[in-house]
Full PDB file with SEQRES, HELIX, SHEET, SSBOND, CRYST1, ORIGX, SCALE, CONECT and MASTER records, all heavy atoms in Angstrom:
SEQRES   1 A   43  LEU SER THR GLY PRO LEU ARG TYR ALA GLY TRP SER SER          
SEQRES   2 A   43  CYS PHE ARG ARG GLU ALA GLY SER TYR GLY LYS ASP THR          
SEQRES   3 A   43  ARG GLY ILE ILE ARG VAL HIS GLN PHE ASP LYS VAL GLU          
SEQRES   4 A   43  ALA PHE VAL TYR                                              
SHEET    1 AA1 2 ARG A   7  PHE A  15  0                                        
SHEET    2 AA1 2 GLN A  34  VAL A  42 -1                                        
CRYST1    1.000    1.000    1.000  90.00  90.00  90.00 P 1           1          
ORIGX1      1.000000  0.000000  0.000000        0.00000                         
ORIGX2      0.000000  1.000000  0.000000        0.00000                         
ORIGX3      0.000000  0.000000  1.000000        0.00000                         
SCALE1      1.000000  0.000000  0.000000        0.00000                         
SCALE2      0.000000  1.000000  0.000000        0.00000                         
SCALE3      0.000000  0.000000  1.000000        0.00000                         
ATOM      1  N   LEU A   1     112.942 113.337  85.252  1.00  0.00           N  
ATOM      2  CA  LEU A   1     111.919 114.387  85.010  1.00  0.00           C  
ATOM      3  C   LEU A   1     111.702 114.622  83.569  1.00  0.00           C  
ATOM      4  O   LEU A   1     111.113 115.659  83.136  1.00  0.00           O  
ATOM      5  CB  LEU A   1     112.304 115.697  85.729  1.00  0.00           C  
ATOM      6  CG  LEU A   1     112.443 115.637  87.238  1.00  0.00           C  
ATOM      7  CD1 LEU A   1     112.868 117.006  87.795  1.00  0.00           C  
ATOM      8  CD2 LEU A   1     111.194 115.184  87.948  1.00  0.00           C  
ATOM      9  N   SER A   2     112.092 113.633  82.714  1.00  0.00           N  
ATOM     10  CA  SER A   2     111.986 113.856  81.277  1.00  0.00           C  
ATOM     11  C   SER A   2     110.583 113.911  80.780  1.00  0.00           C  
ATOM     12  O   SER A   2     110.295 114.508  79.699  1.00  0.00           O  
ATOM     13  CB  SER A   2     112.745 112.716  80.535  1.00  0.00           C  
ATOM     14  OG  SER A   2     112.195 111.488  80.894  1.00  0.00           O  
ATOM     15  N   THR A   3     109.652 113.334  81.497  1.00  0.00           N  
ATOM     16  CA  THR A   3     108.207 113.361  81.091  1.00  0.00           C  
ATOM     17  C   THR A   3     107.410 114.370  81.897  1.00  0.00           C  
ATOM     18  O   THR A   3     106.206 114.391  81.753  1.00  0.00           O  
ATOM     19  CB  THR A   3     107.595 111.976  81.242  1.00  0.00           C  
ATOM     20  OG1 THR A   3     107.707 111.519  82.636  1.00  0.00           O  
ATOM     21  CG2 THR A   3     108.279 110.966  80.370  1.00  0.00           C  
ATOM     22  N   GLY A   4     108.064 115.200  82.700  1.00  0.00           N  
ATOM     23  CA  GLY A   4     107.361 116.235  83.474  1.00  0.00           C  
ATOM     24  C   GLY A   4     107.619 116.077  84.951  1.00  0.00           C  
ATOM     25  O   GLY A   4     108.332 115.162  85.452  1.00  0.00           O  
ATOM     26  N   PRO A   5     106.941 116.921  85.743  1.00  0.00           N  
ATOM     27  CA  PRO A   5     107.098 116.959  87.192  1.00  0.00           C  
ATOM     28  C   PRO A   5     106.607 115.615  87.834  1.00  0.00           C  
ATOM     29  O   PRO A   5     105.747 114.950  87.289  1.00  0.00           O  
ATOM     30  CB  PRO A   5     106.237 118.106  87.683  1.00  0.00           C  
ATOM     31  CG  PRO A   5     106.117 119.004  86.466  1.00  0.00           C  
ATOM     32  CD  PRO A   5     106.125 118.059  85.277  1.00  0.00           C  
ATOM     33  N   LEU A   6     107.236 115.310  89.015  1.00  0.00           N  
ATOM     34  CA  LEU A   6     106.707 114.238  89.847  1.00  0.00           C  
ATOM     35  C   LEU A   6     105.855 114.864  90.938  1.00  0.00           C  
ATOM     36  O   LEU A   6     106.275 115.775  91.690  1.00  0.00           O  
ATOM     37  CB  LEU A   6     107.874 113.468  90.509  1.00  0.00           C  
ATOM     38  CG  LEU A   6     108.839 112.716  89.577  1.00  0.00           C  
ATOM     39  CD1 LEU A   6     109.904 112.080  90.388  1.00  0.00           C  
ATOM     40  CD2 LEU A   6     108.105 111.610  88.815  1.00  0.00           C  
ATOM     41  N   ARG A   7     104.597 114.373  91.026  1.00  0.00           N  
ATOM     42  CA  ARG A   7     103.648 114.955  91.969  1.00  0.00           C  
ATOM     43  C   ARG A   7     103.180 113.899  92.968  1.00  0.00           C  
ATOM     44  O   ARG A   7     102.759 112.826  92.580  1.00  0.00           O  
ATOM     45  CB  ARG A   7     102.453 115.510  91.214  1.00  0.00           C  
ATOM     46  CG  ARG A   7     102.815 116.622  90.187  1.00  0.00           C  
ATOM     47  CD  ARG A   7     101.550 117.240  89.588  1.00  0.00           C  
ATOM     48  NE  ARG A   7     101.875 118.276  88.605  1.00  0.00           N  
ATOM     49  CZ  ARG A   7     101.692 118.191  87.304  1.00  0.00           C  
ATOM     50  NH1 ARG A   7     101.170 117.046  86.812  1.00  0.00           N  
ATOM     51  NH2 ARG A   7     102.018 119.106  86.478  1.00  0.00           N  
ATOM     52  N   TYR A   8     103.252 114.237  94.244  1.00  0.00           N  
ATOM     53  CA  TYR A   8     102.869 113.400  95.347  1.00  0.00           C  
ATOM     54  C   TYR A   8     101.795 114.163  96.211  1.00  0.00           C  
ATOM     55  O   TYR A   8     101.897 115.368  96.389  1.00  0.00           O  
ATOM     56  CB  TYR A   8     104.041 113.001  96.230  1.00  0.00           C  
ATOM     57  CG  TYR A   8     105.077 112.211  95.475  1.00  0.00           C  
ATOM     58  CD1 TYR A   8     106.269 112.846  95.011  1.00  0.00           C  
ATOM     59  CD2 TYR A   8     104.923 110.896  95.162  1.00  0.00           C  
ATOM     60  CE1 TYR A   8     107.227 112.160  94.361  1.00  0.00           C  
ATOM     61  CE2 TYR A   8     105.917 110.153  94.474  1.00  0.00           C  
ATOM     62  CZ  TYR A   8     107.066 110.814  94.087  1.00  0.00           C  
ATOM     63  OH  TYR A   8     108.008 110.103  93.357  1.00  0.00           O  
ATOM     64  N   ALA A   9     100.890 113.341  96.784  1.00  0.00           N  
ATOM     65  CA  ALA A   9      99.963 113.897  97.739  1.00  0.00           C  
ATOM     66  C   ALA A   9     100.003 113.074  99.009  1.00  0.00           C  
ATOM     67  O   ALA A   9      99.684 111.903  99.040  1.00  0.00           O  
ATOM     68  CB  ALA A   9      98.514 113.911  97.175  1.00  0.00           C  
ATOM     69  N   GLY A  10     100.537 113.685 100.065  1.00  0.00           N  
ATOM     70  CA  GLY A  10     100.718 112.971 101.335  1.00  0.00           C  
ATOM     71  C   GLY A  10      99.599 113.209 102.332  1.00  0.00           C  
ATOM     72  O   GLY A  10      99.328 114.390 102.615  1.00  0.00           O  
ATOM     73  N   TRP A  11      99.041 112.161 102.862  1.00  0.00           N  
ATOM     74  CA  TRP A  11      98.015 112.290 103.891  1.00  0.00           C  
ATOM     75  C   TRP A  11      98.590 111.829 105.224  1.00  0.00           C  
ATOM     76  O   TRP A  11      99.097 110.723 105.360  1.00  0.00           O  
ATOM     77  CB  TRP A  11      96.821 111.382 103.526  1.00  0.00           C  
ATOM     78  CG  TRP A  11      95.713 111.321 104.519  1.00  0.00           C  
ATOM     79  CD1 TRP A  11      95.701 111.575 105.852  1.00  0.00           C  
ATOM     80  CD2 TRP A  11      94.294 110.952 104.232  1.00  0.00           C  
ATOM     81  NE1 TRP A  11      94.464 111.466 106.408  1.00  0.00           N  
ATOM     82  CE2 TRP A  11      93.583 111.041 105.457  1.00  0.00           C  
ATOM     83  CE3 TRP A  11      93.677 110.583 103.066  1.00  0.00           C  
ATOM     84  CZ2 TRP A  11      92.182 110.753 105.571  1.00  0.00           C  
ATOM     85  CZ3 TRP A  11      92.318 110.280 103.175  1.00  0.00           C  
ATOM     86  CH2 TRP A  11      91.562 110.347 104.387  1.00  0.00           C  
ATOM     87  N   SER A  12      98.607 112.775 106.184  1.00  0.00           N  
ATOM     88  CA  SER A  12      99.228 112.413 107.425  1.00  0.00           C  
ATOM     89  C   SER A  12      98.684 113.252 108.573  1.00  0.00           C  
ATOM     90  O   SER A  12      98.050 114.307 108.364  1.00  0.00           O  
ATOM     91  CB  SER A  12     100.798 112.608 107.398  1.00  0.00           C  
ATOM     92  OG  SER A  12     101.118 114.020 107.436  1.00  0.00           O  
ATOM     93  N   SER A  13      98.889 112.789 109.801  1.00  0.00           N  
ATOM     94  CA  SER A  13      98.720 113.634 110.968  1.00  0.00           C  
ATOM     95  C   SER A  13      99.938 114.501 111.068  1.00  0.00           C  
ATOM     96  O   SER A  13     101.035 114.159 110.659  1.00  0.00           O  
ATOM     97  CB  SER A  13      98.550 112.776 112.246  1.00  0.00           C  
ATOM     98  OG  SER A  13      97.311 112.090 112.227  1.00  0.00           O  
ATOM     99  N   CYS A  14      99.752 115.744 111.612  1.00  0.00           N  
ATOM    100  CA  CYS A  14     100.830 116.712 111.712  1.00  0.00           C  
ATOM    101  C   CYS A  14     100.932 117.243 113.175  1.00  0.00           C  
ATOM    102  O   CYS A  14      99.857 117.282 113.807  1.00  0.00           O  
ATOM    103  CB  CYS A  14     100.618 117.888 110.731  1.00  0.00           C  
ATOM    104  SG  CYS A  14     100.342 117.373 109.082  1.00  0.00           S  
ATOM    105  N   PHE A  15     102.099 117.618 113.563  1.00  0.00           N  
ATOM    106  CA  PHE A  15     102.282 117.986 114.988  1.00  0.00           C  
ATOM    107  C   PHE A  15     103.125 119.248 115.059  1.00  0.00           C  
ATOM    108  O   PHE A  15     104.208 119.340 114.462  1.00  0.00           O  
ATOM    109  CB  PHE A  15     102.986 116.830 115.688  1.00  0.00           C  
ATOM    110  CG  PHE A  15     102.325 115.526 115.600  1.00  0.00           C  
ATOM    111  CD1 PHE A  15     102.581 114.678 114.497  1.00  0.00           C  
ATOM    112  CD2 PHE A  15     101.321 115.114 116.521  1.00  0.00           C  
ATOM    113  CE1 PHE A  15     101.962 113.473 114.357  1.00  0.00           C  
ATOM    114  CE2 PHE A  15     100.721 113.889 116.387  1.00  0.00           C  
ATOM    115  CZ  PHE A  15     100.986 113.051 115.288  1.00  0.00           C  
ATOM    116  N   ARG A  16     102.602 120.207 115.772  1.00  0.00           N  
ATOM    117  CA  ARG A  16     103.296 121.519 115.938  1.00  0.00           C  
ATOM    118  C   ARG A  16     103.273 121.996 117.393  1.00  0.00           C  
ATOM    119  O   ARG A  16     102.148 121.960 117.990  1.00  0.00           O  
ATOM    120  CB  ARG A  16     102.725 122.553 114.977  1.00  0.00           C  
ATOM    121  CG  ARG A  16     102.899 122.228 113.555  1.00  0.00           C  
ATOM    122  CD  ARG A  16     102.399 123.249 112.618  1.00  0.00           C  
ATOM    123  NE  ARG A  16     102.471 122.813 111.202  1.00  0.00           N  
ATOM    124  CZ  ARG A  16     102.112 123.478 110.141  1.00  0.00           C  
ATOM    125  NH1 ARG A  16     101.573 124.724 110.310  1.00  0.00           N  
ATOM    126  NH2 ARG A  16     102.228 123.006 108.934  1.00  0.00           N  
ATOM    127  N   ARG A  17     104.339 122.462 117.851  1.00  0.00           N  
ATOM    128  CA  ARG A  17     104.365 122.954 119.255  1.00  0.00           C  
ATOM    129  C   ARG A  17     103.688 124.296 119.421  1.00  0.00           C  
ATOM    130  O   ARG A  17     103.299 124.674 120.519  1.00  0.00           O  
ATOM    131  CB  ARG A  17     105.816 123.041 119.752  1.00  0.00           C  
ATOM    132  CG  ARG A  17     106.532 121.613 119.928  1.00  0.00           C  
ATOM    133  CD  ARG A  17     107.861 121.811 120.601  1.00  0.00           C  
ATOM    134  NE  ARG A  17     107.689 122.267 121.981  1.00  0.00           N  
ATOM    135  CZ  ARG A  17     108.392 123.315 122.449  1.00  0.00           C  
ATOM    136  NH1 ARG A  17     109.263 123.938 121.703  1.00  0.00           N  
ATOM    137  NH2 ARG A  17     108.180 123.667 123.696  1.00  0.00           N  
ATOM    138  N   GLU A  18     103.638 125.079 118.315  1.00  0.00           N  
ATOM    139  CA  GLU A  18     103.032 126.400 118.362  1.00  0.00           C  
ATOM    140  C   GLU A  18     103.725 127.248 119.471  1.00  0.00           C  
ATOM    141  O   GLU A  18     103.061 128.003 120.213  1.00  0.00           O  
ATOM    142  CB  GLU A  18     101.537 126.335 118.606  1.00  0.00           C  
ATOM    143  CG  GLU A  18     100.794 125.644 117.478  1.00  0.00           C  
ATOM    144  CD  GLU A  18     100.766 126.428 116.185  1.00  0.00           C  
ATOM    145  OE1 GLU A  18     101.259 127.562 116.156  1.00  0.00           O  
ATOM    146  OE2 GLU A  18     100.287 125.873 115.155  1.00  0.00           O  
ATOM    147  N   ALA A  19     105.042 127.137 119.483  1.00  0.00           N  
ATOM    148  CA  ALA A  19     105.808 127.794 120.552  1.00  0.00           C  
ATOM    149  C   ALA A  19     105.748 129.289 120.576  1.00  0.00           C  
ATOM    150  O   ALA A  19     105.762 129.956 121.606  1.00  0.00           O  
ATOM    151  CB  ALA A  19     107.288 127.355 120.509  1.00  0.00           C  
ATOM    152  N   GLY A  20     105.498 129.858 119.400  1.00  0.00           N  
ATOM    153  CA  GLY A  20     105.500 131.305 119.290  1.00  0.00           C  
ATOM    154  C   GLY A  20     104.136 131.913 119.309  1.00  0.00           C  
ATOM    155  O   GLY A  20     103.935 133.084 118.949  1.00  0.00           O  
ATOM    156  N   SER A  21     103.105 131.107 119.628  1.00  0.00           N  
ATOM    157  CA  SER A  21     101.730 131.577 119.500  1.00  0.00           C  
ATOM    158  C   SER A  21     100.967 131.686 120.872  1.00  0.00           C  
ATOM    159  O   SER A  21      99.793 131.537 120.911  1.00  0.00           O  
ATOM    160  CB  SER A  21     100.957 130.591 118.643  1.00  0.00           C  
ATOM    161  OG  SER A  21     100.937 129.312 119.199  1.00  0.00           O  
ATOM    162  N   TYR A  22     101.787 131.897 121.942  1.00  0.00           N  
ATOM    163  CA  TYR A  22     101.190 132.075 123.273  1.00  0.00           C  
ATOM    164  C   TYR A  22     100.116 133.075 123.235  1.00  0.00           C  
ATOM    165  O   TYR A  22     100.323 134.242 122.843  1.00  0.00           O  
ATOM    166  CB  TYR A  22     102.214 132.335 124.291  1.00  0.00           C  
ATOM    167  CG  TYR A  22     101.647 132.457 125.704  1.00  0.00           C  
ATOM    168  CD1 TYR A  22     101.415 131.311 126.474  1.00  0.00           C  
ATOM    169  CD2 TYR A  22     101.400 133.699 126.290  1.00  0.00           C  
ATOM    170  CE1 TYR A  22     100.851 131.380 127.724  1.00  0.00           C  
ATOM    171  CE2 TYR A  22     100.858 133.795 127.582  1.00  0.00           C  
ATOM    172  CZ  TYR A  22     100.573 132.645 128.273  1.00  0.00           C  
ATOM    173  OH  TYR A  22     100.045 132.750 129.568  1.00  0.00           O  
ATOM    174  N   GLY A  23      98.893 132.739 123.715  1.00  0.00           N  
ATOM    175  CA  GLY A  23      97.790 133.702 123.812  1.00  0.00           C  
ATOM    176  C   GLY A  23      97.013 133.896 122.485  1.00  0.00           C  
ATOM    177  O   GLY A  23      96.019 134.575 122.497  1.00  0.00           O  
ATOM    178  N   LYS A  24      97.471 133.237 121.382  1.00  0.00           N  
ATOM    179  CA  LYS A  24      96.799 133.416 120.098  1.00  0.00           C  
ATOM    180  C   LYS A  24      95.871 132.239 119.862  1.00  0.00           C  
ATOM    181  O   LYS A  24      96.295 131.093 120.015  1.00  0.00           O  
ATOM    182  CB  LYS A  24      97.786 133.532 118.981  1.00  0.00           C  
ATOM    183  CG  LYS A  24      98.681 134.747 119.027  1.00  0.00           C  
ATOM    184  CD  LYS A  24      99.695 134.772 117.893  1.00  0.00           C  
ATOM    185  CE  LYS A  24     100.617 135.921 117.958  1.00  0.00           C  
ATOM    186  NZ  LYS A  24     101.616 135.941 116.844  1.00  0.00           N  
ATOM    187  N   ASP A  25      94.661 132.490 119.426  1.00  0.00           N  
ATOM    188  CA  ASP A  25      93.713 131.406 118.988  1.00  0.00           C  
ATOM    189  C   ASP A  25      93.693 130.267 119.999  1.00  0.00           C  
ATOM    190  O   ASP A  25      93.789 129.123 119.696  1.00  0.00           O  
ATOM    191  CB  ASP A  25      94.166 130.877 117.648  1.00  0.00           C  
ATOM    192  CG  ASP A  25      94.087 131.893 116.550  1.00  0.00           C  
ATOM    193  OD1 ASP A  25      93.086 132.563 116.467  1.00  0.00           O  
ATOM    194  OD2 ASP A  25      95.069 132.020 115.812  1.00  0.00           O  
ATOM    195  N   THR A  26      93.489 130.656 121.273  1.00  0.00           N  
ATOM    196  CA  THR A  26      93.456 129.645 122.357  1.00  0.00           C  
ATOM    197  C   THR A  26      92.128 128.877 122.348  1.00  0.00           C  
ATOM    198  O   THR A  26      92.059 127.815 122.956  1.00  0.00           O  
ATOM    199  CB  THR A  26      93.702 130.287 123.691  1.00  0.00           C  
ATOM    200  OG1 THR A  26      92.686 131.333 123.886  1.00  0.00           O  
ATOM    201  CG2 THR A  26      95.084 130.898 123.790  1.00  0.00           C  
ATOM    202  N   ARG A  27      91.134 129.369 121.654  1.00  0.00           N  
ATOM    203  CA  ARG A  27      89.801 128.700 121.657  1.00  0.00           C  
ATOM    204  C   ARG A  27      89.643 127.975 120.309  1.00  0.00           C  
ATOM    205  O   ARG A  27      89.830 128.535 119.264  1.00  0.00           O  
ATOM    206  CB  ARG A  27      88.707 129.750 121.830  1.00  0.00           C  
ATOM    207  CG  ARG A  27      87.320 129.227 121.737  1.00  0.00           C  
ATOM    208  CD  ARG A  27      86.262 130.268 122.095  1.00  0.00           C  
ATOM    209  NE  ARG A  27      84.887 129.901 121.800  1.00  0.00           N  
ATOM    210  CZ  ARG A  27      84.044 129.200 122.545  1.00  0.00           C  
ATOM    211  NH1 ARG A  27      84.591 128.754 123.772  1.00  0.00           N  
ATOM    212  NH2 ARG A  27      82.861 128.937 122.199  1.00  0.00           N  
ATOM    213  N   GLY A  28      89.223 126.705 120.390  1.00  0.00           N  
ATOM    214  CA  GLY A  28      88.868 126.001 119.228  1.00  0.00           C  
ATOM    215  C   GLY A  28      90.019 125.286 118.525  1.00  0.00           C  
ATOM    216  O   GLY A  28      91.071 124.949 119.116  1.00  0.00           O  
ATOM    217  N   ILE A  29      89.850 125.059 117.211  1.00  0.00           N  
ATOM    218  CA  ILE A  29      90.783 124.250 116.446  1.00  0.00           C  
ATOM    219  C   ILE A  29      91.462 125.039 115.348  1.00  0.00           C  
ATOM    220  O   ILE A  29      91.951 124.413 114.362  1.00  0.00           O  
ATOM    221  CB  ILE A  29      90.047 123.006 115.883  1.00  0.00           C  
ATOM    222  CG1 ILE A  29      88.933 123.452 114.891  1.00  0.00           C  
ATOM    223  CG2 ILE A  29      89.470 122.107 116.950  1.00  0.00           C  
ATOM    224  CD1 ILE A  29      88.304 122.301 114.102  1.00  0.00           C  
ATOM    225  N   ILE A  30      91.613 126.288 115.498  1.00  0.00           N  
ATOM    226  CA  ILE A  30      92.339 127.063 114.504  1.00  0.00           C  
ATOM    227  C   ILE A  30      93.801 126.842 114.643  1.00  0.00           C  
ATOM    228  O   ILE A  30      94.570 126.599 113.646  1.00  0.00           O  
ATOM    229  CB  ILE A  30      91.998 128.554 114.607  1.00  0.00           C  
ATOM    230  CG1 ILE A  30      90.591 128.858 114.140  1.00  0.00           C  
ATOM    231  CG2 ILE A  30      92.971 129.417 113.791  1.00  0.00           C  
ATOM    232  CD1 ILE A  30      90.172 130.285 114.257  1.00  0.00           C  
ATOM    233  N   ARG A  31      94.326 126.837 115.850  1.00  0.00           N  
ATOM    234  CA  ARG A  31      95.776 126.669 116.075  1.00  0.00           C  
ATOM    235  C   ARG A  31      95.963 125.575 117.127  1.00  0.00           C  
ATOM    236  O   ARG A  31      95.760 125.826 118.337  1.00  0.00           O  
ATOM    237  CB  ARG A  31      96.390 127.970 116.575  1.00  0.00           C  
ATOM    238  CG  ARG A  31      97.907 128.085 116.416  1.00  0.00           C  
ATOM    239  CD  ARG A  31      98.435 129.359 117.023  1.00  0.00           C  
ATOM    240  NE  ARG A  31      97.943 130.550 116.336  1.00  0.00           N  
ATOM    241  CZ  ARG A  31      98.582 131.104 115.323  1.00  0.00           C  
ATOM    242  NH1 ARG A  31      99.714 130.674 114.907  1.00  0.00           N  
ATOM    243  NH2 ARG A  31      98.097 132.215 114.730  1.00  0.00           N  
ATOM    244  N   VAL A  32      96.322 124.373 116.705  1.00  0.00           N  
ATOM    245  CA  VAL A  32      96.375 123.202 117.581  1.00  0.00           C  
ATOM    246  C   VAL A  32      97.698 122.460 117.457  1.00  0.00           C  
ATOM    247  O   VAL A  32      98.471 122.729 116.527  1.00  0.00           O  
ATOM    248  CB  VAL A  32      95.208 122.249 117.242  1.00  0.00           C  
ATOM    249  CG1 VAL A  32      93.839 122.917 117.639  1.00  0.00           C  
ATOM    250  CG2 VAL A  32      95.129 121.902 115.805  1.00  0.00           C  
ATOM    251  N   HIS A  33      97.946 121.552 118.336  1.00  0.00           N  
ATOM    252  CA  HIS A  33      99.141 120.796 118.334  1.00  0.00           C  
ATOM    253  C   HIS A  33      99.125 119.583 117.394  1.00  0.00           C  
ATOM    254  O   HIS A  33     100.134 119.119 117.002  1.00  0.00           O  
ATOM    255  CB  HIS A  33      99.467 120.319 119.713  1.00  0.00           C  
ATOM    256  CG  HIS A  33      99.855 121.396 120.680  1.00  0.00           C  
ATOM    257  ND1 HIS A  33     100.789 122.367 120.389  1.00  0.00           N  
ATOM    258  CD2 HIS A  33      99.423 121.679 121.943  1.00  0.00           C  
ATOM    259  CE1 HIS A  33     100.911 123.197 121.445  1.00  0.00           C  
ATOM    260  NE2 HIS A  33     100.067 122.801 122.312  1.00  0.00           N  
ATOM    261  N   GLN A  34      97.936 119.118 117.055  1.00  0.00           N  
ATOM    262  CA  GLN A  34      97.807 117.951 116.189  1.00  0.00           C  
ATOM    263  C   GLN A  34      96.614 118.152 115.232  1.00  0.00           C  
ATOM    264  O   GLN A  34      95.575 118.543 115.615  1.00  0.00           O  
ATOM    265  CB  GLN A  34      97.568 116.688 117.025  1.00  0.00           C  
ATOM    266  CG  GLN A  34      97.442 115.396 116.187  1.00  0.00           C  
ATOM    267  CD  GLN A  34      97.133 114.217 117.047  1.00  0.00           C  
ATOM    268  OE1 GLN A  34      97.453 114.152 118.233  1.00  0.00           O  
ATOM    269  NE2 GLN A  34      96.483 113.165 116.496  1.00  0.00           N  
ATOM    270  N   PHE A  35      96.865 117.828 114.001  1.00  0.00           N  
ATOM    271  CA  PHE A  35      95.804 117.961 112.991  1.00  0.00           C  
ATOM    272  C   PHE A  35      96.166 117.009 111.792  1.00  0.00           C  
ATOM    273  O   PHE A  35      97.209 116.440 111.726  1.00  0.00           O  
ATOM    274  CB  PHE A  35      95.666 119.383 112.495  1.00  0.00           C  
ATOM    275  CG  PHE A  35      96.941 120.008 111.942  1.00  0.00           C  
ATOM    276  CD1 PHE A  35      97.206 119.966 110.610  1.00  0.00           C  
ATOM    277  CD2 PHE A  35      97.854 120.640 112.798  1.00  0.00           C  
ATOM    278  CE1 PHE A  35      98.384 120.505 110.126  1.00  0.00           C  
ATOM    279  CE2 PHE A  35      99.055 121.198 112.360  1.00  0.00           C  
ATOM    280  CZ  PHE A  35      99.295 121.105 110.967  1.00  0.00           C  
ATOM    281  N   ASP A  36      95.194 116.894 110.911  1.00  0.00           N  
ATOM    282  CA  ASP A  36      95.411 116.038 109.724  1.00  0.00           C  
ATOM    283  C   ASP A  36      95.402 116.885 108.507  1.00  0.00           C  
ATOM    284  O   ASP A  36      94.729 117.925 108.425  1.00  0.00           O  
ATOM    285  CB  ASP A  36      94.315 114.941 109.670  1.00  0.00           C  
ATOM    286  CG  ASP A  36      94.490 113.902 110.718  1.00  0.00           C  
ATOM    287  OD1 ASP A  36      95.359 112.982 110.530  1.00  0.00           O  
ATOM    288  OD2 ASP A  36      93.804 113.910 111.794  1.00  0.00           O  
ATOM    289  N   LYS A  37      96.139 116.485 107.511  1.00  0.00           N  
ATOM    290  CA  LYS A  37      96.276 117.258 106.267  1.00  0.00           C  
ATOM    291  C   LYS A  37      96.643 116.357 105.091  1.00  0.00           C  
ATOM    292  O   LYS A  37      97.326 115.375 105.210  1.00  0.00           O  
ATOM    293  CB  LYS A  37      97.373 118.315 106.512  1.00  0.00           C  
ATOM    294  CG  LYS A  37      97.551 119.268 105.330  1.00  0.00           C  
ATOM    295  CD  LYS A  37      98.374 120.497 105.673  1.00  0.00           C  
ATOM    296  CE  LYS A  37      99.835 120.206 105.957  1.00  0.00           C  
ATOM    297  NZ  LYS A  37     100.602 121.447 105.855  1.00  0.00           N  
ATOM    298  N   VAL A  38      96.133 116.787 103.924  1.00  0.00           N  
ATOM    299  CA  VAL A  38      96.601 116.307 102.628  1.00  0.00           C  
ATOM    300  C   VAL A  38      97.443 117.343 101.990  1.00  0.00           C  
ATOM    301  O   VAL A  38      96.962 118.468 101.769  1.00  0.00           O  
ATOM    302  CB  VAL A  38      95.443 115.868 101.692  1.00  0.00           C  
ATOM    303  CG1 VAL A  38      96.027 115.484 100.359  1.00  0.00           C  
ATOM    304  CG2 VAL A  38      94.639 114.750 102.315  1.00  0.00           C  
ATOM    305  N   GLU A  39      98.675 117.037 101.759  1.00  0.00           N  
ATOM    306  CA  GLU A  39      99.675 117.984 101.288  1.00  0.00           C  
ATOM    307  C   GLU A  39     100.162 117.611  99.910  1.00  0.00           C  
ATOM    308  O   GLU A  39     100.609 116.436  99.699  1.00  0.00           O  
ATOM    309  CB  GLU A  39     100.857 118.102 102.215  1.00  0.00           C  
ATOM    310  CG  GLU A  39     101.963 119.080 101.882  1.00  0.00           C  
ATOM    311  CD  GLU A  39     101.665 120.459 102.241  1.00  0.00           C  
ATOM    312  OE1 GLU A  39     100.560 120.715 102.809  1.00  0.00           O  
ATOM    313  OE2 GLU A  39     102.514 121.376 102.010  1.00  0.00           O  
ATOM    314  N   ALA A  40     100.136 118.505  98.961  1.00  0.00           N  
ATOM    315  CA  ALA A  40     100.683 118.269  97.644  1.00  0.00           C  
ATOM    316  C   ALA A  40     102.167 118.619  97.680  1.00  0.00           C  
ATOM    317  O   ALA A  40     102.537 119.599  98.309  1.00  0.00           O  
ATOM    318  CB  ALA A  40      99.970 119.109  96.587  1.00  0.00           C  
ATOM    319  N   PHE A  41     102.979 117.745  96.998  1.00  0.00           N  
ATOM    320  CA  PHE A  41     104.405 118.001  96.957  1.00  0.00           C  
ATOM    321  C   PHE A  41     104.915 117.675  95.496  1.00  0.00           C  
ATOM    322  O   PHE A  41     104.556 116.628  94.921  1.00  0.00           O  
ATOM    323  CB  PHE A  41     105.148 117.208  97.948  1.00  0.00           C  
ATOM    324  CG  PHE A  41     106.591 117.668  98.150  1.00  0.00           C  
ATOM    325  CD1 PHE A  41     106.898 118.583  99.089  1.00  0.00           C  
ATOM    326  CD2 PHE A  41     107.651 117.156  97.376  1.00  0.00           C  
ATOM    327  CE1 PHE A  41     108.115 119.046  99.299  1.00  0.00           C  
ATOM    328  CE2 PHE A  41     108.922 117.590  97.566  1.00  0.00           C  
ATOM    329  CZ  PHE A  41     109.194 118.513  98.521  1.00  0.00           C  
ATOM    330  N   VAL A  42     105.652 118.579  94.953  1.00  0.00           N  
ATOM    331  CA  VAL A  42     106.031 118.448  93.552  1.00  0.00           C  
ATOM    332  C   VAL A  42     107.575 118.583  93.392  1.00  0.00           C  
ATOM    333  O   VAL A  42     108.185 119.478  94.007  1.00  0.00           O  
ATOM    334  CB  VAL A  42     105.392 119.519  92.672  1.00  0.00           C  
ATOM    335  CG1 VAL A  42     105.841 119.404  91.207  1.00  0.00           C  
ATOM    336  CG2 VAL A  42     103.859 119.394  92.785  1.00  0.00           C  
ATOM    337  N   TYR A  43     108.173 117.724  92.573  1.00  0.00           N  
ATOM    338  CA  TYR A  43     109.497 117.846  92.083  1.00  0.00           C  
ATOM    339  C   TYR A  43     109.495 118.212  90.598  1.00  0.00           C  
ATOM    340  O   TYR A  43     108.792 117.553  89.835  1.00  0.00           O  
ATOM    341  CB  TYR A  43     110.323 116.533  92.256  1.00  0.00           C  
ATOM    342  CG  TYR A  43     110.494 116.051  93.645  1.00  0.00           C  
ATOM    343  CD1 TYR A  43     109.609 115.172  94.215  1.00  0.00           C  
ATOM    344  CD2 TYR A  43     111.675 116.397  94.354  1.00  0.00           C  
ATOM    345  CE1 TYR A  43     109.788 114.689  95.523  1.00  0.00           C  
ATOM    346  CE2 TYR A  43     111.890 115.882  95.637  1.00  0.00           C  
ATOM    347  CZ  TYR A  43     110.909 115.057  96.221  1.00  0.00           C  
ATOM    348  OH  TYR A  43     111.114 114.560  97.496  1.00  0.00           O  
TER     349      TYR A  43                                                      
MASTER        0    0    0    0    2    0    0    6  348    1    0    4          
END                                                                             
């Protein structure tokens, strides 16, 4: 890290059970089990 932070951007599908969200946002694509995302990650 002598020249500064290491920065990565990951593009992937993501998967969540949403186990604690029963009855919440049941309509549409706000809270879903599968979605795509670009995530920044820094060391």
